[in-house]
Amino acid sequence: MNFLSYVFYVKTVSFIPYETVYSWVARSHCRYGVGLTESTFKAIFRTQRIRIHPYLPSYLFQVSQVSTFDVNKILSFHTLHPLFRYFENDKSGILKQQMLANKGAAIAASHIPSSSIEIPLSHSYCSLCAQEQRVNKGFSFFDIRFQIPGVEACPVHFCHLTRITCGDGGIDRLITLPKANVWAYPCKDITVRFAAFCFGVYEALVLCPRAKFNKSNYLIMLDRKGYLTRCGNIRLKQLKQSLKLFYKEIELPEGAYNLLDFNFIGPLLRNKTHFSMHPLKHLLLGFWLFDAKASIYFDELKLTEQIALPLEETADADELIIKGLKSGISLNKLEKQTGRSRCYIRRLAELNNIFHQSNRLSFDRKVRDWVILQAQLGRHRKIIAENVGVGIGYVEQVISNTPGLAEWRKNFKKQQKIALAVKEIIQARYGHPEWLRKDVKFHCNQAFFYLYRNNRALLESILPAPEVPILHKLDWSKEDDRLYIGIKQLKHPLPKSLSALGRALRDKGHLNRKLNLLPKTKQLLHSLGIIK
């Protein structure tokens, strides 16, 4: 087949939905045979050396020109860009640009290398699907949905995928198609259902290319399942335990099992996390949280009031304790009922201004007020306990149970240290009026840097005024003599350029830029033939 007939073929051939770009190139090469692999690359990509990534390939603009298909359709139907875009791995659009361009590495723009997932990339396929493709279409091809990271099974034939391992970090030059005569091994039910869920998410994204990821759906579903407290905090420990139990038997590709500790759940759900997460992490959470319903990702969920908390061990015991205290139940009985310590129960009572009688640990209101007053003055807990005649534990409880008192003491201690630092520097200045700023910094180092970190404006007000720096002019006659003597002492053969000669003499660039100010050196260089 000549080149013109080959180009006519690749321009009229249709892309199969969800066929990978790699598979299309392989089919064009293997079916019609354009000689060597380099010839195929040269015909399609105008280069003899190219590596095609399984699901985030570059050179898409070139593929679009050859196949006459819209580049956006190729990007959406034949790569995993929709999945990475939806889960906010392409906020700036750099990944899309790298995939369209004829250079650059799209894999770096997708943040996969920094996601702590070390799945060895490969071209995956189902051997039973490949047999059906050959019967129906006359050839087999790689399905882009099987390339989704974490998919290990075919949801149609309930078997493990076969993988053609790539070289050089997940990129390959070998052009091949799936083999239909490979044995298919059955896999577990949860692995199949997870693969079907991933398929559903990807297919929905292909149909809705402008869909935006909404993290609040995660929190709403967690709230419905009882994994959020009434204050909106995540019950992270119980959430991880449930996920580990659910995914106990799942089969994942090599390198993805480290995700089953689910330490990524906290950063993924917190609003203060500003970096993107790998799509596999989202899919693992969404499959369990949405009960394998991919459509929930694209629904607008609304907050609903919790009727009951399904997690008995994490039920909000604070309300039970407060109700019990108001009804007069003893601390001992509440401790047995809720499993909370007496210190915890007493602290709740005092934070909510509920009277309690804790036997010999109960003190008069005047004693409590006296402890609070001395605590506000910044005195140490031991000194307060000795002055009032109570235990240190009672003093610590009063301080922690009085709203704002612990923060007040912290700030009071800070202001005390600032005052001591100011006093030290002022005394040093009175004792040594000739000191400059560097002298104050050297002799009062601790006080200087405490003020520098906590109150820089106050430090500037008590330091001596900064002096204007004195610029020392270079004596060019001495520099001329130094370079002249240095050149005389160099061993032959001398460097043939001023730059090399300057490096040997450490001239700071003077030979190249200030040679007119060095008459003796210039004359010597003329005589040696280094300059004309």
Protein backbone atom coordinates (compact mmCIF):
# COMPACT_ATOMS: atom_id res chain seq x y z
CA MET A 1 0.00 0.00 0.00
CA ASN A 2 1.41 3.37 -0.96
CA PHE A 3 1.37 6.39 1.31
CA LEU A 4 -1.56 8.18 -0.40
CA SER A 5 -3.88 5.18 -0.10
CA TYR A 6 -2.83 4.78 3.53
CA VAL A 7 -3.66 8.42 4.32
CA PHE A 8 -7.02 8.01 2.55
CA TYR A 9 -7.75 5.03 4.79
CA VAL A 10 -6.88 6.73 8.08
CA LYS A 11 -8.93 9.76 7.09
CA THR A 12 -12.06 7.72 6.42
CA VAL A 13 -11.84 5.12 9.20
CA SER A 14 -14.23 5.72 12.11
CA PHE A 15 -13.26 5.79 15.75
CA ILE A 16 -15.12 3.16 17.77
CA PRO A 17 -16.69 4.66 20.94
CA TYR A 18 -14.30 4.28 23.88
CA GLU A 19 -11.49 2.98 21.69
CA THR A 20 -8.08 4.21 22.84
CA VAL A 21 -5.88 6.34 20.61
CA TYR A 22 -3.18 3.69 21.06
CA SER A 23 -5.57 1.00 19.77
CA TRP A 24 -6.49 3.10 16.74
CA VAL A 25 -2.81 3.51 15.78
CA ALA A 26 -2.21 -0.21 16.35
CA ARG A 27 -5.24 -1.18 14.22
CA SER A 28 -4.13 1.13 11.40
CA HIS A 29 -0.69 -0.45 11.45
CA CYS A 30 -1.56 -4.11 11.96
CA ARG A 31 -4.49 -4.36 9.57
CA TYR A 32 -3.01 -2.69 6.54
CA GLY A 33 0.69 -2.95 7.26
CA VAL A 34 2.68 0.16 6.35
CA GLY A 35 6.02 -1.50 6.69
CA LEU A 36 7.91 -0.89 9.90
CA THR A 37 6.61 0.73 13.08
CA GLU A 38 8.70 3.83 12.36
CA SER A 39 6.90 4.20 9.03
CA THR A 40 3.52 4.19 10.76
CA PHE A 41 4.68 6.82 13.23
CA LYS A 42 6.10 8.89 10.39
CA ALA A 43 2.83 8.71 8.44
CA ILE A 44 0.55 9.60 11.37
CA PHE A 45 2.66 11.74 13.71
CA ARG A 46 5.38 13.00 11.32
CA THR A 47 8.08 11.58 13.57
CA GLN A 48 9.74 8.19 13.79
CA ARG A 49 10.07 8.16 17.59
CA ILE A 50 6.94 8.55 19.70
CA ARG A 51 5.53 6.96 22.82
CA ILE A 52 1.78 6.67 23.32
CA HIS A 53 0.38 6.73 26.87
CA PRO A 54 -2.51 4.29 27.47
CA TYR A 55 -5.04 6.88 28.70
CA LEU A 56 -3.41 10.35 28.68
CA PRO A 57 -1.70 10.48 25.26
CA SER A 58 -0.23 13.55 23.62
CA TYR A 59 -0.24 14.40 19.87
CA LEU A 60 -4.06 14.53 19.79
CA PHE A 61 -4.12 17.51 17.45
CA GLN A 62 -2.01 15.53 14.98
CA VAL A 63 -4.33 12.53 15.32
CA SER A 64 -7.30 14.82 14.68
CA GLN A 65 -5.76 16.13 11.47
CA VAL A 66 -5.07 12.64 10.14
CA SER A 67 -8.43 11.10 11.10
CA THR A 68 -10.54 14.23 10.34
CA PHE A 69 -12.30 13.81 13.70
CA ASP A 70 -12.90 16.73 16.04
CA VAL A 71 -10.11 16.92 18.59
CA ASN A 72 -12.57 17.52 21.44
CA LYS A 73 -14.39 14.28 20.60
CA ILE A 74 -11.10 12.40 20.61
CA LEU A 75 -10.26 13.97 23.96
CA SER A 76 -13.64 13.03 25.45
CA PHE A 77 -14.37 9.58 23.95
CA HIS A 78 -10.90 8.08 23.61
CA THR A 79 -8.87 9.36 26.59
CA LEU A 80 -9.42 9.66 30.35
CA HIS A 81 -9.21 13.45 30.30
CA PRO A 82 -12.93 13.80 31.28
CA LEU A 83 -12.27 11.82 34.47
CA PHE A 84 -9.19 13.83 35.44
CA ARG A 85 -10.88 17.12 34.55
CA TYR A 86 -13.98 16.32 36.62
CA PHE A 87 -11.96 15.47 39.74
CA GLU A 88 -10.10 18.80 39.45
CA ASN A 89 -6.78 17.49 38.14
CA ASP A 90 -6.86 20.03 35.29
CA LYS A 91 -8.09 23.29 36.86
CA SER A 92 -5.69 25.43 34.83
CA GLY A 93 -6.14 23.54 31.56
CA ILE A 94 -2.45 22.58 31.33
CA LEU A 95 -3.26 18.86 31.04
CA LYS A 96 -5.49 19.47 28.03
CA GLN A 97 -2.83 21.64 26.38
CA GLN A 98 -0.18 18.94 26.89
CA MET A 99 -2.44 16.28 25.40
CA LEU A 100 -3.19 18.39 22.33
CA ALA A 101 0.40 19.47 21.81
CA ASN A 102 3.07 17.60 19.85
CA LYS A 103 5.49 17.71 22.75
CA GLY A 104 5.56 17.61 26.53
CA ALA A 105 4.46 14.98 29.04
CA ALA A 106 0.76 15.00 29.90
CA ILE A 107 1.35 12.53 32.72
CA ALA A 108 3.31 15.19 34.66
CA ALA A 109 0.55 17.77 34.19
CA SER A 110 -2.03 15.32 35.63
CA HIS A 111 -0.19 15.21 39.03
CA ILE A 112 -0.13 11.40 38.95
CA PRO A 113 3.58 11.20 39.91
CA SER A 114 2.86 13.07 43.18
CA SER A 115 -0.24 11.05 44.16
CA SER A 116 1.65 8.21 45.95
CA ILE A 117 -0.01 5.63 43.64
CA GLU A 118 2.52 3.41 41.93
CA ILE A 119 0.34 1.39 39.55
CA PRO A 120 2.60 0.06 36.77
CA LEU A 121 0.88 1.43 33.67
CA SER A 122 -0.16 -0.99 30.97
CA HIS A 123 -2.63 -1.49 28.14
CA SER A 124 -5.50 -3.49 29.66
CA TYR A 125 -8.20 -5.51 27.93
CA CYS A 126 -10.66 -8.37 28.47
CA SER A 127 -9.78 -11.44 26.38
CA LEU A 128 -13.46 -12.45 26.11
CA CYS A 129 -14.37 -8.96 24.87
CA ALA A 130 -11.52 -9.26 22.35
CA GLN A 131 -13.02 -12.52 21.02
CA GLU A 132 -16.43 -10.87 20.57
CA GLN A 133 -14.85 -7.86 18.88
CA ARG A 134 -13.10 -10.08 16.35
CA VAL A 135 -16.34 -11.92 15.57
CA ASN A 136 -18.43 -8.74 15.24
CA LYS A 137 -15.94 -6.26 13.75
CA GLY A 138 -13.12 -8.36 12.38
CA PHE A 139 -10.51 -6.94 14.78
CA SER A 140 -10.02 -6.33 18.49
CA PHE A 141 -9.17 -3.06 20.19
CA PHE A 142 -8.32 -1.56 23.59
CA ASP A 143 -11.31 -0.09 25.43
CA ILE A 144 -10.46 3.21 27.15
CA ARG A 145 -12.75 2.30 30.07
CA PHE A 146 -10.49 -0.65 30.93
CA GLN A 147 -7.61 1.81 31.29
CA ILE A 148 -9.24 3.61 34.27
CA PRO A 149 -6.74 3.33 37.17
CA GLY A 150 -8.00 0.78 39.68
CA VAL A 151 -10.24 -1.20 37.30
CA GLU A 152 -9.21 -4.84 37.51
CA ALA A 153 -12.25 -6.67 36.12
CA CYS A 154 -14.58 -6.73 33.13
CA PRO A 155 -18.12 -5.94 34.34
CA VAL A 156 -19.60 -7.85 31.36
CA HIS A 157 -17.75 -11.18 31.62
CA PHE A 158 -16.85 -11.05 35.37
CA CYS A 159 -13.20 -11.89 34.70
CA HIS A 160 -9.78 -10.36 35.35
CA LEU A 161 -8.26 -8.06 32.77
CA THR A 162 -5.17 -8.99 30.79
CA ARG A 163 -2.39 -6.40 30.78
CA ILE A 164 0.35 -5.58 28.29
CA THR A 165 2.96 -3.93 30.48
CA CYS A 166 4.47 -0.70 29.21
CA GLY A 167 8.12 0.24 29.49
CA ASP A 168 9.86 3.45 30.48
CA GLY A 169 7.43 4.60 33.15
CA GLY A 170 4.16 3.73 31.45
CA ILE A 171 4.93 4.63 27.85
CA ASP A 172 5.43 2.24 24.99
CA ARG A 173 6.60 2.11 21.40
CA LEU A 174 5.30 -1.35 20.63
CA ILE A 175 2.28 -1.39 18.31
CA THR A 176 0.03 -4.35 19.05
CA LEU A 177 -3.62 -5.33 19.48
CA PRO A 178 -5.34 -7.45 22.16
CA LYS A 179 -4.95 -11.21 21.85
CA ALA A 180 -8.16 -13.23 21.91
CA ASN A 181 -6.59 -16.58 22.86
CA VAL A 182 -5.70 -15.59 26.46
CA TRP A 183 -7.27 -17.46 29.36
CA ALA A 184 -9.77 -15.38 31.38
CA TYR A 185 -9.72 -15.84 35.16
CA PRO A 186 -12.85 -15.14 37.24
CA CYS A 187 -12.71 -12.44 39.93
CA LYS A 188 -14.66 -11.50 43.05
CA ASP A 189 -18.04 -9.81 43.02
CA ILE A 190 -16.91 -6.55 44.66
CA THR A 191 -14.17 -6.14 42.05
CA VAL A 192 -16.73 -6.48 39.24
CA ARG A 193 -19.17 -4.06 40.88
CA PHE A 194 -16.40 -1.49 41.41
CA ALA A 195 -15.42 -1.75 37.73
CA ALA A 196 -19.07 -1.24 36.69
CA PHE A 197 -19.27 1.83 38.94
CA CYS A 198 -16.12 3.31 37.34
CA PHE A 199 -17.57 2.64 33.88
CA GLY A 200 -20.76 4.42 34.89
CA VAL A 201 -18.92 7.52 36.15
CA TYR A 202 -16.80 7.77 33.00
CA GLU A 203 -19.73 7.26 30.61
CA ALA A 204 -21.76 9.92 32.43
CA LEU A 205 -18.85 12.35 32.12
CA VAL A 206 -18.62 11.70 28.38
CA LEU A 207 -22.30 12.61 28.04
CA CYS A 208 -21.98 15.64 30.37
CA PRO A 209 -18.59 17.18 29.50
CA ARG A 210 -19.31 20.35 31.50
CA ALA A 211 -20.25 18.60 34.75
CA LYS A 212 -18.59 20.15 37.81
CA PHE A 213 -17.43 18.22 40.83
CA ASN A 214 -19.38 19.00 44.01
CA LYS A 215 -17.60 17.95 47.20
CA SER A 216 -20.68 18.77 49.30
CA ASN A 217 -22.35 15.57 47.98
CA TYR A 218 -19.75 13.61 49.94
CA LEU A 219 -20.55 15.44 53.17
CA ILE A 220 -24.33 15.20 52.69
CA MET A 221 -24.15 11.43 52.17
CA LEU A 222 -21.80 11.06 55.12
CA ASP A 223 -24.29 13.00 57.22
CA ARG A 224 -27.12 10.71 56.13
CA LYS A 225 -25.07 7.67 57.10
CA GLY A 226 -24.15 9.13 60.48
CA TYR A 227 -20.47 9.88 59.90
CA LEU A 228 -20.79 13.61 60.70
CA THR A 229 -21.28 15.04 64.16
CA ARG A 230 -23.93 17.68 64.83
CA CYS A 231 -21.15 20.27 64.59
CA GLY A 232 -20.28 19.09 61.07
CA ASN A 233 -17.04 17.31 61.99
CA ILE A 234 -16.14 14.02 60.29
CA ARG A 235 -16.03 10.86 62.41
CA LEU A 236 -12.83 9.89 60.66
CA LYS A 237 -11.88 6.86 62.75
CA GLN A 238 -15.25 5.16 62.28
CA LEU A 239 -15.28 6.11 58.58
CA LYS A 240 -11.91 4.47 57.97
CA GLN A 241 -12.97 1.33 59.84
CA SER A 242 -16.11 1.01 57.70
CA LEU A 243 -14.15 1.51 54.46
CA LYS A 244 -11.52 -1.07 55.43
CA LEU A 245 -14.20 -3.62 56.29
CA PHE A 246 -16.07 -2.96 53.04
CA TYR A 247 -12.97 -3.25 50.81
CA LYS A 248 -11.53 -6.24 52.68
CA GLU A 249 -11.78 -8.57 49.66
CA ILE A 250 -11.43 -6.17 46.72
CA GLU A 251 -8.81 -6.91 44.07
CA LEU A 252 -6.80 -3.92 42.86
CA PRO A 253 -3.83 -3.55 40.51
CA GLU A 254 -0.36 -3.88 41.94
CA GLY A 255 0.70 -0.61 43.57
CA ALA A 256 -2.83 0.47 44.58
CA TYR A 257 -3.17 -1.63 47.74
CA ASN A 258 -1.46 1.05 49.82
CA LEU A 259 -4.65 3.12 49.39
CA LEU A 260 -6.61 0.63 51.48
CA ASP A 261 -5.35 2.25 54.69
CA PHE A 262 -7.58 5.20 53.60
CA ASN A 263 -5.30 7.84 55.09
CA PHE A 264 -6.20 10.02 52.11
CA ILE A 265 -9.84 10.34 53.26
CA GLY A 266 -9.17 13.23 55.66
CA PRO A 267 -7.36 15.49 53.14
CA LEU A 268 -9.87 14.55 50.43
CA LEU A 269 -12.90 15.64 52.49
CA ARG A 270 -11.48 18.71 54.23
CA ASN A 271 -12.29 22.07 52.64
CA LYS A 272 -8.87 23.48 53.54
CA THR A 273 -7.17 20.96 51.23
CA HIS A 274 -6.13 22.90 48.11
CA PHE A 275 -4.38 20.17 46.10
CA SER A 276 -6.13 17.77 43.74
CA MET A 277 -6.60 14.07 44.45
CA HIS A 278 -6.10 11.14 42.09
CA PRO A 279 -9.43 9.96 40.55
CA LEU A 280 -8.95 6.47 42.02
CA LYS A 281 -9.18 7.91 45.55
CA HIS A 282 -12.49 9.58 44.68
CA LEU A 283 -13.83 6.42 43.05
CA LEU A 284 -12.97 4.26 46.08
CA LEU A 285 -14.84 6.64 48.38
CA GLY A 286 -17.75 7.22 45.99
CA PHE A 287 -18.38 3.50 45.32
CA TRP A 288 -18.91 2.81 49.02
CA LEU A 289 -20.57 6.10 49.93
CA PHE A 290 -23.04 6.23 47.01
CA ASP A 291 -23.89 2.50 47.22
CA ALA A 292 -22.42 1.91 43.72
CA LYS A 293 -24.77 4.51 42.14
CA ALA A 294 -22.61 6.62 39.83
CA SER A 295 -25.44 9.08 39.12
CA ILE A 296 -25.23 10.51 42.66
CA TYR A 297 -22.01 12.29 41.63
CA PHE A 298 -24.11 14.46 39.32
CA ASP A 299 -27.22 14.91 41.50
CA GLU A 300 -27.87 18.04 43.55
CA LEU A 301 -28.30 16.60 47.01
CA LYS A 302 -29.99 18.60 49.75
CA LEU A 303 -29.29 18.57 53.47
CA THR A 304 -31.74 16.50 55.49
CA GLU A 305 -32.07 16.39 59.24
CA GLN A 306 -30.66 13.27 60.82
CA ILE A 307 -33.40 11.14 62.33
CA ALA A 308 -31.10 8.63 64.02
CA LEU A 309 -27.39 7.93 64.10
CA PRO A 310 -26.64 4.41 62.81
CA LEU A 311 -23.26 4.36 64.56
CA GLU A 312 -24.11 3.55 68.17
CA GLU A 313 -20.52 3.76 69.34
CA THR A 314 -20.22 7.32 68.03
CA ALA A 315 -23.60 8.62 69.19
CA ASP A 316 -23.41 12.10 70.64
CA ALA A 317 -23.08 11.42 74.38
CA ASP A 318 -22.78 15.11 75.28
CA GLU A 319 -26.53 15.66 75.03
CA LEU A 320 -27.22 12.61 77.22
CA ILE A 321 -24.80 13.90 79.85
CA ILE A 322 -26.29 17.42 79.84
CA LYS A 323 -29.84 16.04 80.16
CA GLY A 324 -28.73 13.77 83.00
CA LEU A 325 -27.02 16.60 84.88
CA LYS A 326 -30.08 18.82 84.56
CA SER A 327 -32.29 16.03 85.90
CA GLY A 328 -30.00 15.53 88.91
CA ILE A 329 -28.35 12.20 88.01
CA SER A 330 -25.06 11.68 89.90
CA LEU A 331 -21.68 11.87 88.19
CA ASN A 332 -20.99 8.27 89.14
CA LYS A 333 -24.15 7.03 87.41
CA LEU A 334 -23.50 9.15 84.31
CA GLU A 335 -19.97 7.79 84.12
CA LYS A 336 -21.30 4.21 84.04
CA GLN A 337 -24.03 5.01 81.52
CA THR A 338 -21.95 6.93 78.97
CA GLY A 339 -18.43 5.61 79.55
CA ARG A 340 -17.10 9.15 79.93
CA SER A 341 -14.76 10.09 82.78
CA ARG A 342 -15.90 12.24 85.69
CA CYS A 343 -13.51 14.98 84.63
CA TYR A 344 -15.18 15.07 81.21
CA ILE A 345 -18.67 15.14 82.75
CA ARG A 346 -17.69 17.86 85.25
CA ARG A 347 -16.19 19.97 82.48
CA LEU A 348 -19.41 19.75 80.43
CA ALA A 349 -21.39 20.81 83.49
CA GLU A 350 -19.22 23.84 84.13
CA LEU A 351 -19.09 24.90 80.47
CA ASN A 352 -22.91 24.84 80.39
CA ASN A 353 -23.30 26.49 83.85
CA ILE A 354 -25.02 23.43 85.34
CA PHE A 355 -24.72 23.04 89.12
CA HIS A 356 -23.10 19.79 90.22
CA GLN A 357 -22.11 18.32 93.56
CA SER A 358 -18.94 16.24 93.24
CA ASN A 359 -18.48 15.28 96.91
CA ARG A 360 -15.17 16.42 98.37
CA LEU A 361 -14.00 17.95 95.05
CA SER A 362 -16.78 20.53 95.12
CA PHE A 363 -15.67 24.00 96.29
CA ASP A 364 -17.43 27.23 97.17
CA ARG A 365 -18.09 29.79 94.41
CA LYS A 366 -15.77 32.26 96.15
CA VAL A 367 -12.91 29.75 95.92
CA ARG A 368 -13.53 29.35 92.18
CA ASP A 369 -13.61 33.13 91.65
CA TRP A 370 -10.39 33.53 93.62
CA VAL A 371 -8.70 30.90 91.41
CA ILE A 372 -9.95 32.66 88.25
CA LEU A 373 -8.66 36.05 89.47
CA GLN A 374 -5.16 34.74 90.18
CA ALA A 375 -5.15 32.86 86.89
CA GLN A 376 -5.97 36.12 85.08
CA LEU A 377 -2.94 37.69 86.76
CA GLY A 378 -0.76 35.05 85.09
CA ARG A 379 0.36 33.22 88.20
CA HIS A 380 1.57 29.64 87.99
CA ARG A 381 -0.85 26.80 88.77
CA LYS A 382 1.23 25.60 91.74
CA ILE A 383 1.31 29.09 93.26
CA ILE A 384 -2.46 29.47 92.80
CA ALA A 385 -3.06 26.07 94.46
CA GLU A 386 -0.86 27.05 97.45
CA ASN A 387 -2.47 30.49 97.83
CA VAL A 388 -6.07 29.21 97.70
CA GLY A 389 -5.49 25.89 99.46
CA VAL A 390 -6.77 23.58 96.72
CA GLY A 391 -5.21 20.93 94.51
CA ILE A 392 -3.42 21.62 91.21
CA GLY A 393 -5.98 19.43 89.41
CA TYR A 394 -8.82 21.69 90.56
CA VAL A 395 -6.91 24.77 89.39
CA GLU A 396 -6.32 23.21 85.96
CA GLN A 397 -10.00 22.26 85.68
CA VAL A 398 -11.15 25.78 86.54
CA ILE A 399 -8.76 27.28 83.97
CA SER A 400 -9.82 24.89 81.18
CA ASN A 401 -13.53 25.12 82.01
CA THR A 402 -13.66 28.93 82.07
CA PRO A 403 -14.27 30.11 78.50
CA GLY A 404 -11.40 32.23 77.16
CA LEU A 405 -9.23 31.97 80.30
CA ALA A 406 -6.63 29.61 78.82
CA GLU A 407 -6.24 31.87 75.77
CA TRP A 408 -6.02 34.92 78.07
CA ARG A 409 -3.19 33.32 80.07
CA LYS A 410 -1.36 32.39 76.88
CA ASN A 411 -1.55 35.95 75.56
CA PHE A 412 -0.69 37.38 79.00
CA LYS A 413 2.46 35.24 79.13
CA LYS A 414 3.41 36.44 75.67
CA GLN A 415 2.99 40.09 76.66
CA GLN A 416 5.12 39.49 79.75
CA LYS A 417 7.94 38.09 77.62
CA ILE A 418 7.65 41.04 75.23
CA ALA A 419 7.92 43.48 78.15
CA LEU A 420 11.01 41.69 79.50
CA ALA A 421 12.63 41.71 76.04
CA VAL A 422 11.95 45.45 75.63
CA LYS A 423 13.40 46.13 79.08
CA GLU A 424 16.57 44.15 78.29
CA ILE A 425 17.22 45.98 75.01
CA ILE A 426 16.52 49.45 76.48
CA GLN A 427 18.90 48.77 79.39
CA ALA A 428 21.57 47.60 76.93
CA ARG A 429 21.19 50.80 74.90
CA TYR A 430 21.49 53.01 77.99
CA GLY A 431 24.60 51.13 79.08
CA HIS A 432 26.19 51.21 75.60
CA PRO A 433 24.97 54.22 73.61
CA GLU A 434 27.61 53.60 70.92
CA TRP A 435 26.18 50.20 69.95
CA LEU A 436 24.83 49.71 66.45
CA ARG A 437 21.92 47.43 65.53
CA LYS A 438 24.22 44.50 64.90
CA ASP A 439 25.73 44.92 68.39
CA VAL A 440 22.28 44.87 70.02
CA LYS A 441 21.40 41.79 67.99
CA PHE A 442 24.63 40.03 69.06
CA HIS A 443 24.51 40.81 72.79
CA CYS A 444 20.70 40.59 73.26
CA ASN A 445 20.08 37.82 70.76
CA GLN A 446 17.15 36.07 72.48
CA ALA A 447 15.28 39.27 73.31
CA PHE A 448 15.94 40.67 69.81
CA PHE A 449 14.48 37.68 67.97
CA TYR A 450 11.50 37.30 70.33
CA LEU A 451 10.47 40.84 69.49
CA TYR A 452 11.31 40.26 65.81
CA ARG A 453 8.86 37.34 65.68
CA ASN A 454 6.07 38.78 67.84
CA ASN A 455 6.16 42.59 67.63
CA ARG A 456 8.47 43.87 64.91
CA ALA A 457 7.11 47.45 65.02
CA LEU A 458 7.96 47.74 68.73
CA LEU A 459 11.46 46.38 68.06
CA GLU A 460 12.05 49.02 65.37
CA SER A 461 11.01 51.78 67.78
CA ILE A 462 13.62 50.87 70.44
CA LEU A 463 16.56 50.01 68.17
CA PRO A 464 19.14 52.65 67.16
CA ALA A 465 18.53 54.30 63.82
CA PRO A 466 19.98 52.34 60.88
CA GLU A 467 23.15 53.80 59.40
CA VAL A 468 23.64 54.41 55.73
CA PRO A 469 25.90 51.68 54.31
CA ILE A 470 29.32 52.84 53.17
CA LEU A 471 30.27 51.64 49.72
CA HIS A 472 33.96 50.82 49.47
CA LYS A 473 35.32 51.80 46.06
CA LEU A 474 37.63 49.35 44.40
CA ASP A 475 41.25 50.53 43.94
CA TRP A 476 41.71 49.77 40.27
CA SER A 477 45.46 50.33 40.36
CA LYS A 478 45.86 47.58 42.98
CA GLU A 479 43.51 45.31 41.02
CA ASP A 480 45.58 46.03 37.89
CA ASP A 481 48.78 45.04 39.70
CA ARG A 482 47.15 41.88 41.14
CA LEU A 483 45.93 40.65 37.76
CA TYR A 484 49.24 41.59 36.05
CA ILE A 485 51.25 39.58 38.57
CA GLY A 486 48.75 36.73 38.44
CA ILE A 487 49.05 36.42 34.64
CA LYS A 488 52.86 36.49 34.87
CA GLN A 489 52.81 33.63 37.37
CA LEU A 490 50.49 31.38 35.33
CA LYS A 491 52.09 28.34 33.77
CA HIS A 492 52.08 27.88 30.01
CA PRO A 493 50.10 27.22 27.94
CA LEU A 494 47.91 30.15 28.97
CA PRO A 495 44.12 30.07 28.48
CA LYS A 496 43.16 31.39 25.06
CA SER A 497 40.07 33.38 26.13
CA LEU A 498 39.48 36.17 28.62
CA SER A 499 36.74 34.17 30.34
CA ALA A 500 38.99 31.16 30.97
CA LEU A 501 41.83 33.43 32.06
CA GLY A 502 39.49 35.30 34.41
CA ARG A 503 38.31 32.06 36.04
CA ALA A 504 41.92 31.09 36.69
CA LEU A 505 42.60 34.46 38.36
CA ARG A 506 39.18 34.91 40.00
CA ASP A 507 38.84 38.32 38.37
CA LYS A 508 35.06 38.78 39.12
CA GLY A 509 34.48 39.55 35.45
CA HIS A 510 36.86 42.51 35.35
CA LEU A 511 38.85 41.25 32.36
CA ASN A 512 35.73 41.09 30.22
CA ARG A 513 33.95 44.24 31.44
CA LYS A 514 36.53 46.63 32.96
CA LEU A 515 39.64 46.02 30.87
CA ASN A 516 39.96 49.75 30.04
CA LEU A 517 40.57 50.44 33.76
CA LEU A 518 43.45 47.91 33.81
CA PRO A 519 46.13 49.42 31.50
CA LYS A 520 49.08 47.24 32.58
CA THR A 521 47.05 44.06 32.31
CA LYS A 522 45.65 45.12 28.93
CA GLN A 523 49.13 45.79 27.54
CA LEU A 524 50.33 42.40 28.81
CA LEU A 525 47.40 40.62 27.16
CA HIS A 526 48.26 42.40 23.88
CA SER A 527 51.85 41.25 24.10
CA LEU A 528 50.76 37.65 24.81
CA GLY A 529 48.38 37.66 21.84
CA ILE A 530 45.27 36.89 23.91
CA ILE A 531 43.55 40.09 22.72
CA LYS A 532 44.08 42.12 19.58
